[in-house]
Amino acid sequence: MTAPASPTMLLPTLPADQRTRHILHLLDTARRRMAQALTVLHLCEHAPMWPTTRINSTAAAIELRAATVALIKYARRHRCDACNPGRMRHTLRLAALLLDLWQSSKHHAQRPDLYSITLAHRAERLFGDTAGWVATGDHRRLLGQTD
């Protein structure tokens, strides 16, 4: 028995402009949640600046990725007396989840026939639950038991 070499059906997708707007909205929401979590974590003064501008273009989305990568490098490599290892682990975990969301969103925007929007939505929910847990300390958020 042979497997089909081409897709057997196409996934329904939004037009490119609507798809991009939807992705930019997901990334902007994630940027705001990350900013709230970073405020709660009280990182040392050596932490890279987090973008505060609204993500409404692909250039701003690329800047968000660069800021996320800088935050990952900071959380992995930086050590000083003011650093709390637990906070650095939380920062690294959140930045990695945000990078996963960015990657899923980029894949969906570029190849919607191969990458479903559900991958980006799943990454966004996981990031949102983890950021909520870091910000509030409520472990029920990780189980999807939010109010």
Protein backbone atom coordinates (compact mmCIF):
# COMPACT_ATOMS: atom_id res chain seq x y z
CA MET A 1 0.00 0.00 0.00
CA THR A 2 1.44 3.36 -0.99
CA ALA A 3 0.94 6.70 0.73
CA PRO A 4 -0.28 9.70 -1.29
CA ALA A 5 2.55 12.00 -2.31
CA SER A 6 0.45 15.18 -2.39
CA PRO A 7 -2.02 16.64 0.10
CA THR A 8 -5.43 14.99 -0.04
CA MET A 9 -7.24 18.18 0.99
CA LEU A 10 -6.41 21.84 1.50
CA LEU A 11 -6.94 23.57 4.81
CA PRO A 12 -9.33 26.53 4.74
CA THR A 13 -7.37 29.74 5.30
CA LEU A 14 -8.02 33.43 5.63
CA PRO A 15 -6.82 35.90 3.00
CA ALA A 16 -3.24 37.04 3.51
CA ASP A 17 -4.09 40.47 4.99
CA GLN A 18 -6.54 39.07 7.55
CA ARG A 19 -4.12 36.28 8.40
CA THR A 20 -1.30 38.75 9.02
CA ARG A 21 -3.53 41.01 11.13
CA HIS A 22 -4.61 38.05 13.23
CA ILE A 23 -1.00 36.95 13.77
CA LEU A 24 0.10 40.48 14.67
CA HIS A 25 -2.72 40.69 17.22
CA LEU A 26 -1.58 37.40 18.81
CA LEU A 27 2.01 38.65 19.01
CA ASP A 28 0.98 42.00 20.47
CA THR A 29 -1.07 40.30 23.17
CA ALA A 30 1.91 38.09 23.97
CA ARG A 31 4.20 41.14 24.11
CA ARG A 32 1.92 42.79 26.69
CA ARG A 33 1.70 39.61 28.78
CA MET A 34 5.48 39.24 28.73
CA ALA A 35 5.88 42.86 29.83
CA GLN A 36 3.56 42.21 32.79
CA ALA A 37 5.48 39.06 33.73
CA LEU A 38 8.84 40.84 33.48
CA THR A 39 7.52 43.58 35.75
CA VAL A 40 6.57 40.98 38.37
CA LEU A 41 9.90 39.13 38.07
CA HIS A 42 11.96 42.23 39.04
CA LEU A 43 15.03 41.41 36.96
CA CYS A 44 18.32 43.18 37.58
CA GLU A 45 19.25 46.43 35.84
CA HIS A 46 21.28 44.55 33.22
CA ALA A 47 18.16 43.03 31.62
CA PRO A 48 17.59 44.02 27.99
CA MET A 49 14.83 46.53 27.29
CA TRP A 50 11.49 44.99 26.39
CA PRO A 51 9.65 46.63 23.45
CA THR A 52 6.76 48.84 24.47
CA THR A 53 5.49 49.79 21.02
CA ARG A 54 2.40 48.10 19.66
CA ILE A 55 3.05 45.35 17.11
CA ASN A 56 1.17 46.44 13.99
CA SER A 57 3.65 45.56 11.27
CA THR A 58 5.98 42.76 10.34
CA ALA A 59 8.97 44.97 11.15
CA ALA A 60 7.72 45.32 14.73
CA ALA A 61 7.24 41.54 14.87
CA ILE A 62 10.86 41.05 13.81
CA GLU A 63 11.94 43.49 16.54
CA LEU A 64 9.93 41.43 19.04
CA ARG A 65 11.82 38.33 17.97
CA ALA A 66 15.15 40.11 18.38
CA ALA A 67 14.14 41.30 21.86
CA THR A 68 13.06 37.76 22.77
CA VAL A 69 16.38 36.30 21.62
CA ALA A 70 18.24 38.98 23.63
CA LEU A 71 16.17 38.04 26.69
CA ILE A 72 17.03 34.35 26.21
CA LYS A 73 20.74 35.19 25.97
CA TYR A 74 20.47 37.33 29.10
CA ALA A 75 18.64 34.64 31.08
CA ARG A 76 21.15 31.95 30.06
CA ARG A 77 24.41 33.81 30.47
CA HIS A 78 24.04 36.73 32.87
CA ARG A 79 25.00 36.25 36.50
CA CYS A 80 25.36 38.98 39.09
CA ASP A 81 24.64 39.35 42.81
CA ALA A 82 21.17 40.78 42.15
CA CYS A 83 20.08 37.83 39.97
CA ASN A 84 17.69 35.27 41.37
CA PRO A 85 18.14 31.88 39.65
CA GLY A 86 14.43 31.05 39.91
CA ARG A 87 13.46 34.30 38.23
CA MET A 88 16.01 33.70 35.51
CA ARG A 89 14.50 30.23 34.88
CA HIS A 90 11.03 31.76 34.64
CA THR A 91 12.33 34.40 32.25
CA LEU A 92 14.00 31.76 30.09
CA ARG A 93 10.88 29.58 30.06
CA LEU A 94 8.62 32.47 29.06
CA ALA A 95 11.01 33.73 26.39
CA ALA A 96 11.30 30.24 24.89
CA LEU A 97 7.49 29.91 24.78
CA LEU A 98 7.21 33.34 23.17
CA LEU A 99 9.80 32.34 20.56
CA ASP A 100 7.75 29.21 19.87
CA LEU A 101 4.65 31.36 19.40
CA TRP A 102 6.55 33.66 17.04
CA GLN A 103 7.79 30.70 15.01
CA SER A 104 4.34 29.07 14.78
CA SER A 105 2.82 32.38 13.74
CA LYS A 106 5.48 32.95 11.09
CA HIS A 107 4.97 29.49 9.66
CA HIS A 108 1.21 29.99 9.45
CA ALA A 109 1.59 33.40 7.82
CA GLN A 110 4.02 32.07 5.21
CA ARG A 111 2.55 28.62 4.51
CA PRO A 112 -1.08 28.42 5.69
CA ASP A 113 -1.64 25.33 3.57
CA LEU A 114 0.93 23.39 5.65
CA TYR A 115 0.75 25.07 9.07
CA SER A 116 -2.64 25.50 10.69
CA ILE A 117 -3.55 28.48 12.85
CA THR A 118 -4.26 26.04 15.66
CA LEU A 119 -0.51 25.63 16.19
CA ALA A 120 -0.19 29.37 16.84
CA HIS A 121 -3.30 29.36 19.04
CA ARG A 122 -1.96 26.44 21.07
CA ALA A 123 1.39 28.18 21.54
CA GLU A 124 -0.44 31.38 22.54
CA ARG A 125 -2.57 29.57 25.13
CA LEU A 126 0.46 27.82 26.59
CA PHE A 127 2.39 31.09 26.77
CA GLY A 128 -0.60 32.93 28.27
CA ASP A 129 -1.17 30.30 30.95
CA THR A 130 2.51 30.21 31.89
CA ALA A 131 2.77 34.02 31.95
CA GLY A 132 -0.34 34.18 34.12
CA TRP A 133 1.15 31.64 36.50
CA VAL A 134 4.41 33.60 36.72
CA ALA A 135 2.56 36.88 37.27
CA THR A 136 0.06 35.62 39.86
CA GLY A 137 1.63 32.49 41.32
CA ASP A 138 -1.69 30.70 40.84
CA HIS A 139 -0.86 27.14 39.81
CA ARG A 140 -4.43 26.55 38.57
CA ARG A 141 -3.61 28.67 35.52
CA LEU A 142 -1.28 25.93 34.28
CA LEU A 143 -4.18 23.49 34.34
CA GLY A 144 -6.51 25.81 32.42
CA GLN A 145 -8.64 26.55 35.48
CA THR A 146 -8.70 30.32 35.21
CA ASP A 147 -11.71 32.31 36.30
